[in-house]
């Protein structure tokens, strides 16, 4: 009996001691728990050793035209991403098409981009008695900030307007997509390949559709094509051959991995610097999201 009693007492002492230890550990860990008491998820790997980006034309967005049959007011609403941050661009409705330009029909309000390269602009034009034509209009946005040189006046995005409901007895609404322009370099596309080896990052850019024998600055930025950020790394310029195919290979030391998101590559109109808005035009851009 005495032996059983001692065993029971020892077990109770052990249980109390174990409980105290667990309570102490719980108290020590409470400073790291979230306010709701749930356990934080274990983070997954945030970096990779290779990635790629599809390079597409920039900027892009939408345009909506609304014509009121009673007031004869034409409202044009444009939303664009991928513009030069804090830039200003002339915009117009013209006669013709993106492939066959014509005379000016209406000036639109200047397109003003935010710090991340986004713009949302509304123009109201009075006394548009004939409504929106079925065809024969196009909207373009120029490189800017003015129209004094061919580089400034160059359209950086364009869309043809097609209106299937042309009756002037009813209000009209047309929605269209702002995409490439047929100006030099404004329909470029390609890819960027990024690999890390021996603590070095290699960035290989390949583009087609460039102006023959042209040269363009390129960078890795933080952010995304739709929400642009600061330059992270300078890349060697993209140099096009006589056929308009451009390449660039840059090796950057002291980089051990590539983040899974938060980087993008862009290529600018300018050959040696991006100090002016005109040269800064980021006509090709790609988010680094395709992982291997």
Foldseek 3Di string as FASTA:
>chain_A
DVVVVVVVVVVVVVVVVVVVVVVVVVVVCVVVADPVRDDDDDDDDFWAFKFKWWKFFDKKWKWKWKAALPQRKIKIKTKIFQADAQAKWWKFKFFDFLVDTHGTDDTFDIFTHHRQRITIGMGIDGDNNQADDQFGIKMFIFLDPHCPDCLRRHTLWMWTWGFPDRDSVGMGMTMTMIGFGPPAPRGKIWMWIWGDDPQKIKIKTKIARHAAQDKWWKFKFFDFSRGGHDGDGTFHIWTHHRRRITMGMDMGGRHHTGGQFGIKMFIFQAHPDLPDSSRRRRGMMTTGHGGD
